[in-house]
N, C-alpha and C. Protein backbone atom coordinates (compact mmCIF):
# COMPACT_ATOMS: atom_id res chain seq x y z
N MET A 1 0.83 -1.20 0.00
CA MET A 1 0.00 0.00 0.00
C MET A 1 0.87 1.25 0.00
N GLU A 2 0.46 2.26 -0.77
CA GLU A 2 1.11 3.56 -0.78
C GLU A 2 0.05 4.63 -0.61
N VAL A 3 0.46 5.77 -0.04
CA VAL A 3 -0.42 6.93 0.06
C VAL A 3 0.26 8.09 -0.65
N TRP A 4 -0.41 8.65 -1.65
CA TRP A 4 0.12 9.76 -2.42
C TRP A 4 -0.61 11.04 -2.03
N ASP A 5 0.11 12.14 -2.10
CA ASP A 5 -0.46 13.44 -1.74
C ASP A 5 -0.41 14.37 -2.94
N HIS A 6 -1.51 15.12 -3.14
CA HIS A 6 -1.53 16.14 -4.17
C HIS A 6 -2.42 17.28 -3.71
N ASP A 7 -1.83 18.45 -3.56
CA ASP A 7 -2.58 19.66 -3.22
C ASP A 7 -3.45 19.46 -1.97
N GLY A 8 -2.89 18.77 -0.99
CA GLY A 8 -3.59 18.59 0.27
C GLY A 8 -4.56 17.42 0.30
N LYS A 9 -4.71 16.69 -0.81
CA LYS A 9 -5.60 15.54 -0.84
C LYS A 9 -4.76 14.26 -0.88
N LEU A 10 -5.28 13.22 -0.23
CA LEU A 10 -4.56 11.96 -0.13
C LEU A 10 -5.24 10.88 -0.97
N TYR A 11 -4.40 10.03 -1.57
CA TYR A 11 -4.88 8.94 -2.42
C TYR A 11 -4.15 7.66 -2.02
N GLU A 12 -4.94 6.62 -1.74
CA GLU A 12 -4.36 5.34 -1.36
C GLU A 12 -4.29 4.43 -2.58
N VAL A 13 -3.14 3.78 -2.76
CA VAL A 13 -2.92 2.89 -3.88
C VAL A 13 -2.59 1.50 -3.35
N ASN A 14 -3.36 0.53 -3.78
CA ASN A 14 -3.14 -0.86 -3.38
C ASN A 14 -3.04 -1.75 -4.63
N SER A 15 -2.35 -2.86 -4.50
CA SER A 15 -2.34 -3.87 -5.56
C SER A 15 -2.42 -5.24 -4.92
N TRP A 16 -3.22 -6.12 -5.51
CA TRP A 16 -3.41 -7.45 -4.97
C TRP A 16 -4.01 -8.36 -6.03
N TYR A 17 -3.95 -9.66 -5.72
CA TYR A 17 -4.56 -10.65 -6.61
C TYR A 17 -6.00 -10.87 -6.15
N CYS A 18 -6.94 -10.64 -7.07
CA CYS A 18 -8.36 -10.79 -6.77
C CYS A 18 -8.81 -12.19 -7.20
N LEU A 19 -9.01 -13.08 -6.24
CA LEU A 19 -9.37 -14.46 -6.56
C LEU A 19 -10.69 -14.60 -7.31
N PRO A 20 -11.74 -13.87 -6.92
CA PRO A 20 -13.00 -14.05 -7.66
C PRO A 20 -12.89 -13.73 -9.16
N ASP A 21 -12.00 -12.79 -9.49
CA ASP A 21 -11.86 -12.37 -10.89
C ASP A 21 -10.68 -13.04 -11.59
N ASP A 22 -9.85 -13.78 -10.84
CA ASP A 22 -8.61 -14.33 -11.41
C ASP A 22 -7.84 -13.23 -12.12
N ALA A 23 -7.57 -12.15 -11.40
CA ALA A 23 -6.91 -10.99 -12.00
C ALA A 23 -6.10 -10.25 -10.95
N TRP A 24 -5.04 -9.61 -11.43
CA TRP A 24 -4.28 -8.69 -10.58
C TRP A 24 -4.91 -7.31 -10.71
N GLN A 25 -5.00 -6.61 -9.60
CA GLN A 25 -5.70 -5.32 -9.60
C GLN A 25 -4.86 -4.26 -8.93
N TYR A 26 -4.82 -3.09 -9.56
CA TYR A 26 -4.23 -1.90 -8.98
C TYR A 26 -5.37 -0.90 -8.74
N GLU A 27 -5.54 -0.50 -7.49
CA GLU A 27 -6.68 0.37 -7.16
C GLU A 27 -6.20 1.67 -6.53
N LEU A 28 -6.80 2.77 -6.97
CA LEU A 28 -6.54 4.08 -6.39
C LEU A 28 -7.84 4.62 -5.82
N VAL A 29 -7.82 5.01 -4.54
CA VAL A 29 -9.01 5.54 -3.88
C VAL A 29 -8.64 6.84 -3.18
N GLU A 30 -9.45 7.87 -3.38
CA GLU A 30 -9.23 9.13 -2.69
C GLU A 30 -9.66 8.99 -1.24
N LEU A 31 -8.77 9.39 -0.33
CA LEU A 31 -9.04 9.27 1.10
C LEU A 31 -9.67 10.52 1.70
N THR A 32 -9.50 11.66 1.05
CA THR A 32 -9.93 12.93 1.62
C THR A 32 -11.45 13.04 1.67
N GLU A 33 -12.13 12.53 0.64
CA GLU A 33 -13.58 12.59 0.60
C GLU A 33 -14.19 11.46 1.46
N PRO A 34 -15.44 11.60 1.88
CA PRO A 34 -16.10 10.53 2.63
C PRO A 34 -16.16 9.25 1.79
N PRO A 35 -16.20 8.09 2.43
CA PRO A 35 -16.28 6.82 1.69
C PRO A 35 -17.45 6.81 0.72
N GLY A 36 -17.16 6.37 -0.52
CA GLY A 36 -18.20 6.30 -1.53
C GLY A 36 -18.39 7.57 -2.33
N ARG A 37 -17.61 8.62 -2.02
CA ARG A 37 -17.77 9.88 -2.73
C ARG A 37 -16.51 10.32 -3.46
N GLY A 38 -15.35 9.86 -3.01
CA GLY A 38 -14.11 10.25 -3.65
C GLY A 38 -13.83 9.44 -4.91
N ALA A 39 -12.79 9.85 -5.63
CA ALA A 39 -12.41 9.17 -6.86
C ALA A 39 -12.01 7.72 -6.58
N CYS A 40 -12.35 6.84 -7.51
CA CYS A 40 -11.98 5.43 -7.39
C CYS A 40 -11.68 4.88 -8.78
N LEU A 41 -10.44 4.43 -8.98
CA LEU A 41 -10.00 3.86 -10.25
C LEU A 41 -9.35 2.52 -9.97
N ALA A 42 -9.53 1.57 -10.87
CA ALA A 42 -8.89 0.26 -10.71
C ALA A 42 -8.48 -0.29 -12.06
N VAL A 43 -7.22 -0.69 -12.17
CA VAL A 43 -6.73 -1.37 -13.37
C VAL A 43 -6.80 -2.86 -13.09
N VAL A 44 -7.58 -3.57 -13.91
CA VAL A 44 -7.83 -5.00 -13.70
C VAL A 44 -7.14 -5.79 -14.81
N ILE A 45 -6.18 -6.64 -14.43
CA ILE A 45 -5.36 -7.38 -15.39
C ILE A 45 -5.64 -8.87 -15.22
N PRO A 46 -6.37 -9.49 -16.15
CA PRO A 46 -6.70 -10.91 -16.02
C PRO A 46 -5.46 -11.80 -16.05
N ASP A 47 -5.57 -12.92 -15.34
CA ASP A 47 -4.49 -13.90 -15.26
C ASP A 47 -4.65 -14.93 -16.37
N ALA A 48 -3.60 -15.12 -17.17
CA ALA A 48 -3.65 -16.10 -18.25
C ALA A 48 -3.52 -17.53 -17.75
N THR A 49 -2.97 -17.71 -16.54
CA THR A 49 -2.79 -19.05 -15.97
C THR A 49 -3.26 -19.03 -14.51
N PRO A 50 -4.55 -18.90 -14.27
CA PRO A 50 -5.03 -18.74 -12.90
C PRO A 50 -4.82 -19.95 -11.99
N GLU A 51 -4.78 -21.13 -12.54
CA GLU A 51 -4.68 -22.32 -11.69
C GLU A 51 -3.25 -22.84 -11.50
N PRO A 52 -2.47 -23.04 -12.61
CA PRO A 52 -1.23 -23.79 -12.47
C PRO A 52 -0.13 -23.13 -11.64
N GLY A 53 0.03 -21.81 -11.73
CA GLY A 53 1.22 -21.24 -11.11
C GLY A 53 1.11 -19.75 -10.86
N PRO A 54 2.24 -19.05 -10.93
CA PRO A 54 2.27 -17.62 -10.63
C PRO A 54 1.47 -16.81 -11.65
N PHE A 55 1.18 -15.60 -11.26
CA PHE A 55 0.40 -14.69 -12.11
C PHE A 55 1.09 -14.45 -13.44
N THR A 56 0.33 -14.66 -14.52
CA THR A 56 0.80 -14.39 -15.88
C THR A 56 -0.19 -13.45 -16.54
N PRO A 57 0.18 -12.19 -16.73
CA PRO A 57 -0.80 -11.23 -17.26
C PRO A 57 -1.21 -11.53 -18.69
N LYS A 58 -2.51 -11.41 -18.95
CA LYS A 58 -2.99 -11.49 -20.32
C LYS A 58 -2.59 -10.22 -21.07
N HIS A 59 -2.69 -10.28 -22.40
CA HIS A 59 -2.37 -9.13 -23.24
C HIS A 59 -3.25 -7.95 -22.86
N ALA A 60 -2.75 -6.74 -23.12
CA ALA A 60 -3.46 -5.51 -22.76
C ALA A 60 -4.87 -5.44 -23.35
N ASP A 61 -5.13 -6.18 -24.43
CA ASP A 61 -6.47 -6.21 -25.00
C ASP A 61 -7.51 -6.69 -23.99
N HIS A 62 -7.08 -7.42 -22.97
CA HIS A 62 -8.00 -7.97 -21.96
C HIS A 62 -8.06 -7.11 -20.70
N VAL A 63 -7.20 -6.10 -20.61
CA VAL A 63 -7.11 -5.27 -19.40
C VAL A 63 -8.20 -4.20 -19.42
N LEU A 64 -8.75 -3.91 -18.25
CA LEU A 64 -9.78 -2.88 -18.11
C LEU A 64 -9.37 -1.84 -17.09
N LEU A 65 -9.81 -0.61 -17.33
CA LEU A 65 -9.74 0.43 -16.30
C LEU A 65 -11.16 0.62 -15.80
N ALA A 66 -11.41 0.20 -14.56
CA ALA A 66 -12.73 0.37 -13.96
C ALA A 66 -12.78 1.71 -13.25
N VAL A 67 -13.68 2.58 -13.69
CA VAL A 67 -13.78 3.92 -13.11
C VAL A 67 -15.13 4.08 -12.41
N ALA A 68 -15.13 4.77 -11.31
CA ALA A 68 -16.37 4.99 -10.56
C ALA A 68 -16.29 6.34 -9.85
N ARG A 69 -16.90 7.33 -10.47
CA ARG A 69 -17.09 8.65 -9.85
C ARG A 69 -15.78 9.38 -9.60
N GLY A 70 -15.91 10.67 -9.28
CA GLY A 70 -14.82 11.44 -8.71
C GLY A 70 -13.90 12.15 -9.69
N VAL A 71 -13.04 12.99 -9.10
CA VAL A 71 -12.08 13.79 -9.85
C VAL A 71 -10.68 13.41 -9.39
N THR A 72 -9.84 13.07 -10.36
CA THR A 72 -8.45 12.71 -10.07
C THR A 72 -7.52 13.71 -10.75
N PRO A 73 -6.60 14.33 -10.01
CA PRO A 73 -5.64 15.25 -10.64
C PRO A 73 -4.77 14.51 -11.65
N TRP A 74 -4.42 15.20 -12.72
CA TRP A 74 -3.59 14.62 -13.76
C TRP A 74 -2.30 14.01 -13.22
N PRO A 75 -1.54 14.67 -12.33
CA PRO A 75 -0.30 14.06 -11.83
C PRO A 75 -0.54 12.73 -11.11
N ILE A 76 -1.67 12.60 -10.40
CA ILE A 76 -1.97 11.36 -9.71
C ILE A 76 -2.34 10.28 -10.73
N LEU A 77 -3.13 10.65 -11.75
CA LEU A 77 -3.49 9.70 -12.80
C LEU A 77 -2.24 9.20 -13.52
N ARG A 78 -1.35 10.11 -13.89
CA ARG A 78 -0.13 9.72 -14.59
C ARG A 78 0.74 8.82 -13.71
N ARG A 79 0.77 9.12 -12.42
CA ARG A 79 1.59 8.31 -11.51
C ARG A 79 1.03 6.89 -11.42
N LEU A 80 -0.30 6.76 -11.43
CA LEU A 80 -0.91 5.43 -11.42
C LEU A 80 -0.57 4.67 -12.71
N ILE A 81 -0.69 5.35 -13.85
CA ILE A 81 -0.36 4.72 -15.13
C ILE A 81 1.10 4.26 -15.14
N ASP A 82 1.99 5.13 -14.68
CA ASP A 82 3.42 4.79 -14.67
C ASP A 82 3.69 3.61 -13.74
N LEU A 83 3.01 3.57 -12.58
CA LEU A 83 3.19 2.48 -11.64
C LEU A 83 2.79 1.15 -12.28
N VAL A 84 1.63 1.14 -12.91
CA VAL A 84 1.12 -0.10 -13.51
C VAL A 84 2.02 -0.55 -14.67
N GLU A 85 2.38 0.38 -15.53
CA GLU A 85 3.17 0.00 -16.72
C GLU A 85 4.60 -0.36 -16.37
N SER A 86 5.16 0.25 -15.33
CA SER A 86 6.53 -0.09 -14.94
C SER A 86 6.60 -1.44 -14.24
N SER A 87 5.44 -1.95 -13.79
CA SER A 87 5.40 -3.25 -13.13
C SER A 87 5.66 -4.40 -14.09
N GLY A 88 5.44 -4.16 -15.38
CA GLY A 88 5.58 -5.21 -16.38
C GLY A 88 4.32 -6.03 -16.56
N ASP A 89 3.24 -5.65 -15.87
CA ASP A 89 2.00 -6.41 -15.96
C ASP A 89 1.14 -6.03 -17.16
N ILE A 90 1.50 -4.96 -17.88
CA ILE A 90 0.79 -4.60 -19.10
C ILE A 90 1.58 -5.13 -20.28
N VAL A 91 1.04 -6.14 -20.93
CA VAL A 91 1.73 -6.78 -22.05
C VAL A 91 1.11 -6.25 -23.34
N ALA A 92 1.81 -5.32 -23.98
CA ALA A 92 1.25 -4.70 -25.19
C ALA A 92 2.38 -4.23 -26.07
N THR A 93 3.19 -5.16 -26.55
CA THR A 93 4.37 -4.79 -27.32
C THR A 93 4.03 -4.24 -28.69
N ASP A 94 2.79 -4.45 -29.14
CA ASP A 94 2.44 -4.02 -30.50
C ASP A 94 1.64 -2.72 -30.52
N ARG A 95 1.59 -2.00 -29.39
CA ARG A 95 0.79 -0.78 -29.35
C ARG A 95 1.53 0.36 -30.04
N ALA A 96 0.88 1.00 -31.01
CA ALA A 96 1.47 2.14 -31.70
C ALA A 96 1.26 3.40 -30.86
N HIS A 97 2.30 4.18 -30.70
CA HIS A 97 2.20 5.40 -29.90
C HIS A 97 1.56 6.52 -30.72
N ALA A 98 0.78 7.31 -30.04
CA ALA A 98 0.13 8.45 -30.69
C ALA A 98 1.15 9.55 -30.95
N THR A 99 0.87 10.36 -31.96
CA THR A 99 1.73 11.48 -32.29
C THR A 99 0.89 12.75 -32.36
N ALA A 100 1.55 13.88 -32.59
CA ALA A 100 0.85 15.15 -32.69
C ALA A 100 -0.12 15.17 -33.87
N ASP A 101 0.08 14.29 -34.84
CA ASP A 101 -0.83 14.23 -36.00
C ASP A 101 -2.17 13.57 -35.65
N ASP A 102 -2.21 12.84 -34.53
CA ASP A 102 -3.43 12.16 -34.12
C ASP A 102 -4.31 13.12 -33.33
N GLU A 103 -4.79 14.13 -33.99
CA GLU A 103 -5.55 15.18 -33.32
C GLU A 103 -6.97 14.72 -33.02
N ILE A 104 -7.44 15.07 -31.82
CA ILE A 104 -8.82 14.78 -31.47
C ILE A 104 -9.69 15.95 -31.92
N LEU A 105 -10.60 15.66 -32.83
CA LEU A 105 -11.55 16.66 -33.27
C LEU A 105 -12.92 16.31 -32.70
N SER A 106 -13.86 17.21 -32.86
CA SER A 106 -15.20 16.95 -32.34
C SER A 106 -15.81 15.73 -33.02
N ASN A 107 -16.41 14.86 -32.20
CA ASN A 107 -17.12 13.67 -32.68
C ASN A 107 -16.23 12.69 -33.43
N ASN A 108 -14.98 12.54 -33.00
CA ASN A 108 -14.16 11.47 -33.53
C ASN A 108 -14.75 10.13 -33.11
N VAL A 109 -14.68 9.14 -33.99
CA VAL A 109 -15.21 7.81 -33.70
C VAL A 109 -14.07 6.81 -33.69
N TRP A 110 -13.93 6.07 -32.61
CA TRP A 110 -12.95 5.01 -32.50
C TRP A 110 -13.69 3.68 -32.42
N LEU A 111 -13.25 2.69 -33.17
CA LEU A 111 -13.82 1.36 -33.12
C LEU A 111 -12.80 0.42 -32.49
N TYR A 112 -13.25 -0.34 -31.50
CA TYR A 112 -12.33 -1.26 -30.83
C TYR A 112 -13.10 -2.48 -30.33
N ALA A 113 -12.64 -3.66 -30.73
CA ALA A 113 -13.21 -4.93 -30.28
C ALA A 113 -14.73 -4.97 -30.46
N GLY A 114 -15.18 -4.47 -31.60
CA GLY A 114 -16.61 -4.49 -31.89
C GLY A 114 -17.41 -3.43 -31.17
N LYS A 115 -16.73 -2.54 -30.44
CA LYS A 115 -17.42 -1.47 -29.72
C LYS A 115 -17.10 -0.13 -30.36
N ARG A 116 -18.01 0.81 -30.19
CA ARG A 116 -17.87 2.14 -30.77
C ARG A 116 -17.68 3.17 -29.66
N PHE A 117 -16.65 3.99 -29.81
CA PHE A 117 -16.35 5.02 -28.83
C PHE A 117 -16.32 6.38 -29.53
N GLU A 118 -16.74 7.42 -28.83
CA GLU A 118 -16.66 8.77 -29.37
C GLU A 118 -15.76 9.61 -28.48
N VAL A 119 -14.95 10.43 -29.14
CA VAL A 119 -14.03 11.32 -28.46
C VAL A 119 -14.30 12.74 -28.94
N ASN A 120 -14.57 13.62 -28.00
CA ASN A 120 -14.88 15.01 -28.34
C ASN A 120 -13.86 15.95 -27.72
N SER A 121 -13.67 17.08 -28.35
CA SER A 121 -12.79 18.13 -27.85
C SER A 121 -13.49 19.46 -28.02
N PHE A 122 -13.60 20.23 -26.95
CA PHE A 122 -14.33 21.50 -27.03
C PHE A 122 -13.95 22.40 -25.86
N HIS A 123 -14.27 23.68 -26.00
CA HIS A 123 -13.99 24.65 -24.95
C HIS A 123 -15.21 24.82 -24.06
N LEU A 124 -14.98 24.70 -22.74
CA LEU A 124 -16.05 24.91 -21.77
C LEU A 124 -15.99 26.35 -21.29
N SER A 125 -16.81 27.21 -21.86
CA SER A 125 -16.74 28.64 -21.55
C SER A 125 -17.14 28.94 -20.11
N ASP A 126 -18.04 28.13 -19.55
CA ASP A 126 -18.48 28.40 -18.18
C ASP A 126 -17.44 27.98 -17.14
N ARG A 127 -16.45 27.19 -17.57
CA ARG A 127 -15.40 26.77 -16.65
C ARG A 127 -14.02 27.27 -17.07
N ASP A 128 -13.97 28.03 -18.18
CA ASP A 128 -12.69 28.54 -18.69
C ASP A 128 -11.67 27.40 -18.81
N ALA A 129 -12.05 26.35 -19.55
CA ALA A 129 -11.19 25.18 -19.69
C ALA A 129 -11.43 24.50 -21.02
N TRP A 130 -10.40 23.80 -21.50
CA TRP A 130 -10.55 22.94 -22.67
C TRP A 130 -10.86 21.55 -22.17
N CYS A 131 -11.78 20.87 -22.84
CA CYS A 131 -12.25 19.57 -22.38
C CYS A 131 -12.07 18.50 -23.46
N TYR A 132 -11.55 17.35 -23.05
CA TYR A 132 -11.50 16.15 -23.89
C TYR A 132 -12.41 15.11 -23.25
N GLU A 133 -13.32 14.54 -24.03
CA GLU A 133 -14.35 13.66 -23.49
C GLU A 133 -14.34 12.33 -24.22
N LEU A 134 -14.50 11.23 -23.48
CA LEU A 134 -14.53 9.88 -24.04
C LEU A 134 -15.73 9.13 -23.48
N TYR A 135 -16.48 8.47 -24.37
CA TYR A 135 -17.58 7.62 -23.92
C TYR A 135 -17.84 6.53 -24.96
N GLU A 136 -18.47 5.47 -24.50
CA GLU A 136 -18.86 4.38 -25.39
C GLU A 136 -20.28 4.62 -25.91
N VAL A 137 -20.46 4.43 -27.21
CA VAL A 137 -21.78 4.61 -27.82
C VAL A 137 -22.58 3.33 -27.65
N LYS A 138 -23.66 3.42 -26.88
CA LYS A 138 -24.55 2.28 -26.66
C LYS A 138 -25.97 2.73 -26.94
N PRO A 139 -26.56 2.29 -28.05
CA PRO A 139 -27.91 2.74 -28.40
C PRO A 139 -28.95 2.49 -27.31
N ASP A 140 -28.76 1.41 -26.55
CA ASP A 140 -29.75 1.07 -25.53
C ASP A 140 -29.31 1.46 -24.12
N ALA A 141 -28.33 2.36 -24.02
CA ALA A 141 -27.80 2.74 -22.71
C ALA A 141 -28.85 3.49 -21.89
N SER A 142 -28.94 3.13 -20.61
CA SER A 142 -29.86 3.81 -19.71
C SER A 142 -29.14 4.82 -18.83
N ARG A 143 -27.78 4.87 -18.94
CA ARG A 143 -26.99 5.80 -18.13
C ARG A 143 -26.06 6.59 -19.04
N ASN A 144 -25.60 7.70 -18.52
CA ASN A 144 -24.68 8.56 -19.26
C ASN A 144 -23.30 8.48 -18.62
N ASP A 145 -22.60 7.39 -18.88
CA ASP A 145 -21.27 7.17 -18.31
C ASP A 145 -20.21 7.70 -19.28
N TYR A 146 -19.34 8.55 -18.78
CA TYR A 146 -18.26 9.06 -19.61
C TYR A 146 -17.15 9.62 -18.73
N VAL A 147 -15.98 9.85 -19.33
CA VAL A 147 -14.87 10.47 -18.62
C VAL A 147 -14.43 11.71 -19.40
N GLU A 148 -13.85 12.64 -18.69
CA GLU A 148 -13.38 13.86 -19.35
C GLU A 148 -12.11 14.36 -18.67
N ILE A 149 -11.27 14.97 -19.48
CA ILE A 149 -10.07 15.64 -18.98
C ILE A 149 -10.25 17.13 -19.23
N GLN A 150 -10.15 17.92 -18.17
CA GLN A 150 -10.30 19.36 -18.27
C GLN A 150 -8.96 20.04 -18.04
N ILE A 151 -8.63 20.95 -18.96
CA ILE A 151 -7.38 21.70 -18.89
C ILE A 151 -7.74 23.17 -18.74
N PRO A 152 -7.52 23.77 -17.56
CA PRO A 152 -7.89 25.17 -17.37
C PRO A 152 -7.15 26.11 -18.31
N ASP A 153 -7.83 27.16 -18.70
CA ASP A 153 -7.27 28.17 -19.61
C ASP A 153 -6.59 29.26 -18.79
N ALA A 154 -5.31 29.47 -19.04
CA ALA A 154 -4.56 30.49 -18.30
C ALA A 154 -4.86 31.89 -18.80
N ASN A 155 -5.51 32.01 -19.96
CA ASN A 155 -5.75 33.32 -20.56
C ASN A 155 -7.15 33.36 -21.17
N PRO A 156 -8.20 33.16 -20.35
CA PRO A 156 -9.54 32.98 -20.90
C PRO A 156 -10.15 34.20 -21.56
N ASP A 157 -9.69 35.40 -21.20
CA ASP A 157 -10.35 36.62 -21.67
C ASP A 157 -9.55 37.40 -22.71
N ALA A 158 -8.41 36.85 -23.11
CA ALA A 158 -7.55 37.69 -23.96
C ALA A 158 -6.89 36.92 -25.09
N GLY A 159 -7.68 36.11 -25.81
CA GLY A 159 -7.08 35.47 -26.98
C GLY A 159 -7.26 33.97 -26.99
N PRO A 160 -6.39 33.27 -27.73
CA PRO A 160 -6.51 31.82 -27.90
C PRO A 160 -6.23 31.08 -26.59
N PHE A 161 -6.63 29.82 -26.58
CA PHE A 161 -6.46 28.97 -25.40
C PHE A 161 -4.99 28.81 -25.03
N VAL A 162 -4.69 29.03 -23.75
CA VAL A 162 -3.35 28.84 -23.20
C VAL A 162 -3.48 27.86 -22.03
N PRO A 163 -2.94 26.65 -22.13
CA PRO A 163 -3.14 25.67 -21.06
C PRO A 163 -2.41 26.02 -19.77
N GLU A 164 -3.09 25.79 -18.67
CA GLU A 164 -2.46 25.90 -17.35
C GLU A 164 -1.50 24.72 -17.16
N PRO A 165 -0.60 24.79 -16.15
CA PRO A 165 0.30 23.66 -15.89
C PRO A 165 -0.47 22.38 -15.58
N SER A 166 0.19 21.25 -15.79
CA SER A 166 -0.47 19.96 -15.68
C SER A 166 -0.99 19.66 -14.28
N ASP A 167 -0.44 20.30 -13.24
CA ASP A 167 -0.93 20.00 -11.90
C ASP A 167 -2.32 20.56 -11.65
N ARG A 168 -2.85 21.34 -12.60
CA ARG A 168 -4.21 21.85 -12.51
C ARG A 168 -5.19 21.11 -13.42
N VAL A 169 -4.66 20.18 -14.18
CA VAL A 169 -5.49 19.37 -15.08
C VAL A 169 -6.19 18.27 -14.28
N THR A 170 -7.44 17.96 -14.64
CA THR A 170 -8.20 16.96 -13.89
C THR A 170 -8.80 15.91 -14.82
N PHE A 171 -8.94 14.71 -14.27
CA PHE A 171 -9.61 13.58 -14.92
C PHE A 171 -10.88 13.31 -14.13
N THR A 172 -12.03 13.55 -14.76
CA THR A 172 -13.31 13.43 -14.07
C THR A 172 -14.11 12.26 -14.61
N VAL A 173 -14.65 11.46 -13.70
CA VAL A 173 -15.48 10.31 -14.05
C VAL A 173 -16.94 10.63 -13.76
N HIS A 174 -17.77 10.40 -14.75
CA HIS A 174 -19.22 10.54 -14.59
C HIS A 174 -19.83 9.15 -14.69
N GLY A 175 -20.40 8.66 -13.59
CA GLY A 175 -20.98 7.33 -13.58
C GLY A 175 -19.96 6.25 -13.29
N GLU A 176 -20.22 5.05 -13.74
CA GLU A 176 -19.34 3.90 -13.57
C GLU A 176 -19.17 3.19 -14.92
N TRP A 177 -17.92 2.78 -15.21
CA TRP A 177 -17.65 2.28 -16.55
C TRP A 177 -16.37 1.47 -16.54
N ASP A 178 -16.33 0.38 -17.31
CA ASP A 178 -15.11 -0.38 -17.53
C ASP A 178 -14.57 -0.03 -18.91
N ILE A 179 -13.45 0.66 -18.95
CA ILE A 179 -12.87 1.14 -20.20
C ILE A 179 -11.78 0.17 -20.66
N PRO A 180 -11.82 -0.32 -21.88
CA PRO A 180 -10.71 -1.14 -22.37
C PRO A 180 -9.39 -0.37 -22.27
N TRP A 181 -8.38 -1.01 -21.71
CA TRP A 181 -7.11 -0.33 -21.48
C TRP A 181 -6.53 0.29 -22.75
N PRO A 182 -6.52 -0.40 -23.91
CA PRO A 182 -5.97 0.23 -25.12
C PRO A 182 -6.71 1.51 -25.53
N VAL A 183 -8.02 1.55 -25.31
CA VAL A 183 -8.80 2.75 -25.64
C VAL A 183 -8.43 3.89 -24.69
N PHE A 184 -8.36 3.57 -23.40
CA PHE A 184 -7.98 4.58 -22.41
C PHE A 184 -6.59 5.13 -22.67
N ARG A 185 -5.62 4.23 -22.97
CA ARG A 185 -4.23 4.69 -23.18
C ARG A 185 -4.12 5.53 -24.45
N ARG A 186 -4.87 5.18 -25.48
CA ARG A 186 -4.84 6.02 -26.68
C ARG A 186 -5.43 7.40 -26.40
N PHE A 187 -6.49 7.44 -25.63
CA PHE A 187 -7.09 8.71 -25.21
C PHE A 187 -6.05 9.57 -24.49
N ILE A 188 -5.33 8.99 -23.56
CA ILE A 188 -4.32 9.73 -22.80
C ILE A 188 -3.17 10.16 -23.71
N GLU A 189 -2.73 9.27 -24.59
CA GLU A 189 -1.58 9.58 -25.45
C GLU A 189 -1.90 10.68 -26.46
N VAL A 190 -3.09 10.64 -27.03
CA VAL A 190 -3.45 11.66 -28.03
C VAL A 190 -3.55 13.03 -27.37
N ILE A 191 -4.10 13.08 -26.16
CA ILE A 191 -4.17 14.36 -25.44
C ILE A 191 -2.77 14.86 -25.12
N THR A 192 -1.91 13.97 -24.68
CA THR A 192 -0.52 14.36 -24.38
C THR A 192 0.18 14.85 -25.63
N ALA A 193 -0.03 14.17 -26.76
CA ALA A 193 0.62 14.56 -28.01
C ALA A 193 0.10 15.89 -28.55
N SER A 194 -1.09 16.29 -28.11
CA SER A 194 -1.67 17.55 -28.60
C SER A 194 -0.88 18.76 -28.14
N GLY A 195 -0.09 18.61 -27.07
CA GLY A 195 0.67 19.74 -26.54
C GLY A 195 -0.07 20.54 -25.49
N ASP A 196 -1.30 20.12 -25.14
CA ASP A 196 -2.09 20.86 -24.15
C ASP A 196 -1.73 20.48 -22.72
N ILE A 197 -0.96 19.41 -22.54
CA ILE A 197 -0.49 19.05 -21.20
C ILE A 197 0.92 19.57 -21.05
N VAL A 198 1.08 20.59 -20.20
CA VAL A 198 2.38 21.22 -20.03
C VAL A 198 2.81 21.10 -18.57
N GLN A 199 4.09 20.88 -18.37
CA GLN A 199 4.61 20.77 -17.01
C GLN A 199 4.81 22.12 -16.34
N ASP A 200 5.27 23.07 -17.11
CA ASP A 200 5.50 24.41 -16.58
C ASP A 200 4.95 25.43 -17.57
N GLN A 201 4.22 26.36 -17.06
CA GLN A 201 3.60 27.37 -17.91
C GLN A 201 4.03 28.77 -17.44
N PRO A 202 4.65 29.59 -18.30
CA PRO A 202 5.03 30.94 -17.87
C PRO A 202 3.82 31.77 -17.52
N ASN A 203 4.02 32.73 -16.65
CA ASN A 203 2.93 33.63 -16.28
C ASN A 203 2.44 34.42 -17.49
N VAL A 204 1.11 34.55 -17.60
CA VAL A 204 0.52 35.26 -18.73
C VAL A 204 0.20 36.69 -18.31
């Protein structure tokens, strides 16, 4: 178990083998909010050999990011991703990295494993922020589950969008959803490649 701190808020990170699911799980839970109200994320990695021996991770195509409510700061999200990927439990040697040419435009459609996902990019004028949004298209869906990354605008009243530093960027979960890991990672990589995630931003 580890406890991470960001801007006065605490996040607990645990990893363990979940017997009911035959999977290794990395879970991040916000401690500052009351139970059931803070951010909760879990990377679930199925075991390719659950019975015979030690944990053998299945390919990343089988990995899920289970999200349930809350707001996670970008640095905490990135730290979780780095922790999971540095463990060696994500097996995805054939994943192509996104580049600056992979721009997210409004109503982009991604198809993955027979599922349809939409990715939107737009300016939220009421929050002075740029927003990237990801959700799965389900014609018969009874809920509105989606995730969004908001990047505050450092210069909202005087010209084009200027991103604030990355420690002010947030990952917000609406509802509960299991996101295929390759879809989630492409979402993160394309946003990073866009240049809107900056580590240091000069004063405007």
